[in-house]
Amino acid sequence: MPDEKAPAAAAQPGQQQVQIPVDASNRETVYVNFFQAHMNSDEVYLDLGTFSQVVTPSGPEAISLSHRLVMNFVTAKRLAEVLRAAVARHEQMFGVVELDPNRRLRTPPQPPRAPGS
């Protein structure tokens, strides 16, 4: 996890790097296992929440949306790249992350692969 007091670096090609302080004093941590993505011509919206996956006699419990992230497409692309790299690093260490819930339940976790294989 990055150091909360570490400044962020921002620079355009050919320009001097500027250190920008990051204030994490108001940060909240929330757990999410569900999201919906929406967009318009200017922004991407991510609605985040939790899905208990509990099914009662009257049907499944509702998904509880708790947060909405709104970002421009530059930030969305940067976030997508960071998430892609994080998942790739995780899969390299722990094996493939299976998205299909039916296959996750019947396929044992894959052992980590040796680097370069």
C-alpha atoms as a PDB file:
ATOM      1  CA  MET A   1       0.000   0.000   0.000  1.00  0.00           C
ATOM      2  CA  PRO A   2       1.448   3.410  -0.920  1.00  0.00           C
ATOM      3  CA  ASP A   3       2.569   5.709   1.835  1.00  0.00           C
ATOM      4  CA  GLU A   4      -0.261   8.129   2.615  1.00  0.00           C
ATOM      5  CA  LYS A   5       2.092  11.090   2.984  1.00  0.00           C
ATOM      6  CA  ALA A   6       3.992  10.443  -0.254  1.00  0.00           C
ATOM      7  CA  PRO A   7       3.496  13.173  -2.839  1.00  0.00           C
ATOM      8  CA  ALA A   8       2.140  12.299  -6.255  1.00  0.00           C
ATOM      9  CA  ALA A   9       4.326  13.058  -9.245  1.00  0.00           C
ATOM     10  CA  ALA A  10       2.826  14.928 -12.184  1.00  0.00           C
ATOM     11  CA  ALA A  11       4.704  15.867 -15.339  1.00  0.00           C
ATOM     12  CA  GLN A  12       4.075  16.241 -19.039  1.00  0.00           C
ATOM     13  CA  PRO A  13       6.669  14.889 -21.483  1.00  0.00           C
ATOM     14  CA  GLY A  14       9.582  17.327 -21.710  1.00  0.00           C
ATOM     15  CA  GLN A  15       8.615  19.162 -18.520  1.00  0.00           C
ATOM     16  CA  GLN A  16      10.080  19.125 -15.038  1.00  0.00           C
ATOM     17  CA  GLN A  17       8.403  16.730 -12.599  1.00  0.00           C
ATOM     18  CA  VAL A  18       6.294  18.462  -9.922  1.00  0.00           C
ATOM     19  CA  GLN A  19       5.617  16.855  -6.540  1.00  0.00           C
ATOM     20  CA  ILE A  20       1.964  17.276  -5.542  1.00  0.00           C
ATOM     21  CA  PRO A  21       1.075  16.541  -1.899  1.00  0.00           C
ATOM     22  CA  VAL A  22      -1.656  13.955  -1.289  1.00  0.00           C
ATOM     23  CA  ASP A  23      -4.015  14.483   1.658  1.00  0.00           C
ATOM     24  CA  ALA A  24      -5.593  11.149   2.684  1.00  0.00           C
ATOM     25  CA  SER A  25      -7.011  12.421   5.992  1.00  0.00           C
ATOM     26  CA  ASN A  26     -10.638  12.237   4.760  1.00  0.00           C
ATOM     27  CA  ARG A  27     -10.316   8.910   2.966  1.00  0.00           C
ATOM     28  CA  GLU A  28     -12.945   6.250   3.626  1.00  0.00           C
ATOM     29  CA  THR A  29     -12.453   2.541   3.092  1.00  0.00           C
ATOM     30  CA  VAL A  30     -15.423   0.566   1.811  1.00  0.00           C
ATOM     31  CA  TYR A  31     -15.822  -2.987   0.575  1.00  0.00           C
ATOM     32  CA  VAL A  32     -17.500  -3.543  -2.789  1.00  0.00           C
ATOM     33  CA  ASN A  33     -18.229  -6.718  -4.704  1.00  0.00           C
ATOM     34  CA  PHE A  34     -20.624  -5.215  -7.230  1.00  0.00           C
ATOM     35  CA  PHE A  35     -20.421  -2.362  -9.699  1.00  0.00           C
ATOM     36  CA  GLN A  36     -22.367  -0.877 -12.578  1.00  0.00           C
ATOM     37  CA  ALA A  37     -20.714   1.290 -15.211  1.00  0.00           C
ATOM     38  CA  HIS A  38     -22.448   4.072 -17.131  1.00  0.00           C
ATOM     39  CA  MET A  39     -21.091   6.806 -19.340  1.00  0.00           C
ATOM     40  CA  ASN A  40     -21.901   9.847 -21.368  1.00  0.00           C
ATOM     41  CA  SER A  41     -19.716  11.696 -23.867  1.00  0.00           C
ATOM     42  CA  ASP A  42     -17.653  13.350 -21.102  1.00  0.00           C
ATOM     43  CA  GLU A  43     -17.574  11.035 -18.077  1.00  0.00           C
ATOM     44  CA  VAL A  44     -17.660   7.482 -16.759  1.00  0.00           C
ATOM     45  CA  TYR A  45     -19.874   6.673 -13.764  1.00  0.00           C
ATOM     46  CA  LEU A  46     -19.170   3.686 -11.538  1.00  0.00           C
ATOM     47  CA  ASP A  47     -21.879   2.774  -9.045  1.00  0.00           C
ATOM     48  CA  LEU A  48     -20.342   0.621  -6.295  1.00  0.00           C
ATOM     49  CA  GLY A  49     -21.993  -1.563  -3.711  1.00  0.00           C
ATOM     50  CA  THR A  50     -22.381  -4.953  -2.127  1.00  0.00           C
ATOM     51  CA  PHE A  51     -24.324  -8.037  -3.128  1.00  0.00           C
ATOM     52  CA  SER A  52     -24.830 -10.542  -0.317  1.00  0.00           C
ATOM     53  CA  GLN A  53     -25.789 -13.346  -2.754  1.00  0.00           C
ATOM     54  CA  VAL A  54     -28.308 -14.490  -0.140  1.00  0.00           C
ATOM     55  CA  VAL A  55     -31.491 -15.925  -1.623  1.00  0.00           C
ATOM     56  CA  THR A  56     -34.513 -15.987   0.681  1.00  0.00           C
ATOM     57  CA  PRO A  57     -37.894 -17.641  -0.031  1.00  0.00           C
ATOM     58  CA  SER A  58     -39.059 -14.290  -1.400  1.00  0.00           C
ATOM     59  CA  GLY A  59     -36.068 -13.987  -3.735  1.00  0.00           C
ATOM     60  CA  PRO A  60     -32.505 -12.663  -3.674  1.00  0.00           C
ATOM     61  CA  GLU A  61     -31.582  -9.854  -1.316  1.00  0.00           C
ATOM     62  CA  ALA A  62     -31.230  -6.495  -3.037  1.00  0.00           C
ATOM     63  CA  ILE A  63     -27.876  -5.148  -4.131  1.00  0.00           C
ATOM     64  CA  SER A  64     -26.967  -2.193  -1.933  1.00  0.00           C
ATOM     65  CA  LEU A  65     -25.308   0.625  -3.912  1.00  0.00           C
ATOM     66  CA  SER A  66     -23.325   2.886  -1.608  1.00  0.00           C
ATOM     67  CA  HIS A  67     -20.966   5.019  -3.703  1.00  0.00           C
ATOM     68  CA  ARG A  68     -20.756   6.600  -7.147  1.00  0.00           C
ATOM     69  CA  LEU A  69     -17.425   7.460  -8.757  1.00  0.00           C
ATOM     70  CA  VAL A  70     -17.514   9.989 -11.577  1.00  0.00           C
ATOM     71  CA  MET A  71     -14.388  10.485 -13.663  1.00  0.00           C
ATOM     72  CA  ASN A  72     -13.282  11.763 -17.036  1.00  0.00           C
ATOM     73  CA  PHE A  73     -12.043   9.312 -19.655  1.00  0.00           C
ATOM     74  CA  VAL A  74      -8.364  10.112 -19.044  1.00  0.00           C
ATOM     75  CA  THR A  75      -8.728   9.111 -15.392  1.00  0.00           C
ATOM     76  CA  ALA A  76     -10.849   6.087 -16.360  1.00  0.00           C
ATOM     77  CA  LYS A  77      -8.145   4.871 -18.749  1.00  0.00           C
ATOM     78  CA  ARG A  78      -5.442   5.340 -16.125  1.00  0.00           C
ATOM     79  CA  LEU A  79      -7.556   3.441 -13.587  1.00  0.00           C
ATOM     80  CA  ALA A  80      -8.164   0.648 -16.108  1.00  0.00           C
ATOM     81  CA  GLU A  81      -4.406   0.299 -16.685  1.00  0.00           C
ATOM     82  CA  VAL A  82      -3.630   0.205 -12.958  1.00  0.00           C
ATOM     83  CA  LEU A  83      -6.337  -2.406 -12.350  1.00  0.00           C
ATOM     84  CA  ARG A  84      -5.155  -4.489 -15.336  1.00  0.00           C
ATOM     85  CA  ALA A  85      -1.593  -4.471 -13.984  1.00  0.00           C
ATOM     86  CA  ALA A  86      -2.755  -5.312 -10.443  1.00  0.00           C
ATOM     87  CA  VAL A  87      -4.807  -8.294 -11.648  1.00  0.00           C
ATOM     88  CA  ALA A  88      -1.944  -9.503 -13.871  1.00  0.00           C
ATOM     89  CA  ARG A  89       0.471  -9.343 -10.927  1.00  0.00           C
ATOM     90  CA  HIS A  90      -2.040 -11.193  -8.688  1.00  0.00           C
ATOM     91  CA  GLU A  91      -2.578 -13.897 -11.322  1.00  0.00           C
ATOM     92  CA  GLN A  92       1.153 -14.331 -11.761  1.00  0.00           C
ATOM     93  CA  MET A  93       1.520 -14.942  -8.031  1.00  0.00           C
ATOM     94  CA  PHE A  94      -1.677 -16.897  -7.279  1.00  0.00           C
ATOM     95  CA  GLY A  95      -3.076 -18.226 -10.557  1.00  0.00           C
ATOM     96  CA  VAL A  96      -5.830 -17.158 -12.911  1.00  0.00           C
ATOM     97  CA  VAL A  97      -8.825 -15.298 -11.473  1.00  0.00           C
ATOM     98  CA  GLU A  98     -11.891 -17.082 -12.837  1.00  0.00           C
ATOM     99  CA  LEU A  99     -14.833 -14.772 -13.606  1.00  0.00           C
ATOM    100  CA  ASP A 100     -17.445 -17.471 -14.236  1.00  0.00           C
ATOM    101  CA  PRO A 101     -18.899 -18.334 -10.791  1.00  0.00           C
ATOM    102  CA  ASN A 102     -19.837 -21.871 -11.911  1.00  0.00           C
ATOM    103  CA  ARG A 103     -16.271 -22.596 -13.000  1.00  0.00           C
ATOM    104  CA  ARG A 104     -14.864 -20.987  -9.826  1.00  0.00           C
ATOM    105  CA  LEU A 105     -16.850 -23.421  -7.700  1.00  0.00           C
ATOM    106  CA  ARG A 106     -15.828 -26.580  -9.576  1.00  0.00           C
ATOM    107  CA  THR A 107     -12.272 -25.724 -10.640  1.00  0.00           C
ATOM    108  CA  PRO A 108      -9.589 -25.919  -7.943  1.00  0.00           C
ATOM    109  CA  PRO A 109      -7.323 -22.860  -7.740  1.00  0.00           C
ATOM    110  CA  GLN A 110      -4.379 -22.970 -10.136  1.00  0.00           C
ATOM    111  CA  PRO A 111      -0.936 -23.083  -8.519  1.00  0.00           C
ATOM    112  CA  PRO A 112       1.249 -20.038  -9.137  1.00  0.00           C
ATOM    113  CA  ARG A 113       3.265 -20.134 -12.330  1.00  0.00           C
ATOM    114  CA  ALA A 114       7.011 -19.725 -12.287  1.00  0.00           C
ATOM    115  CA  PRO A 115       8.151 -16.421 -13.842  1.00  0.00           C
ATOM    116  CA  GLY A 116       8.842 -16.754 -17.528  1.00  0.00           C
ATOM    117  CA  SER A 117       6.697 -19.877 -18.026  1.00  0.00           C
END
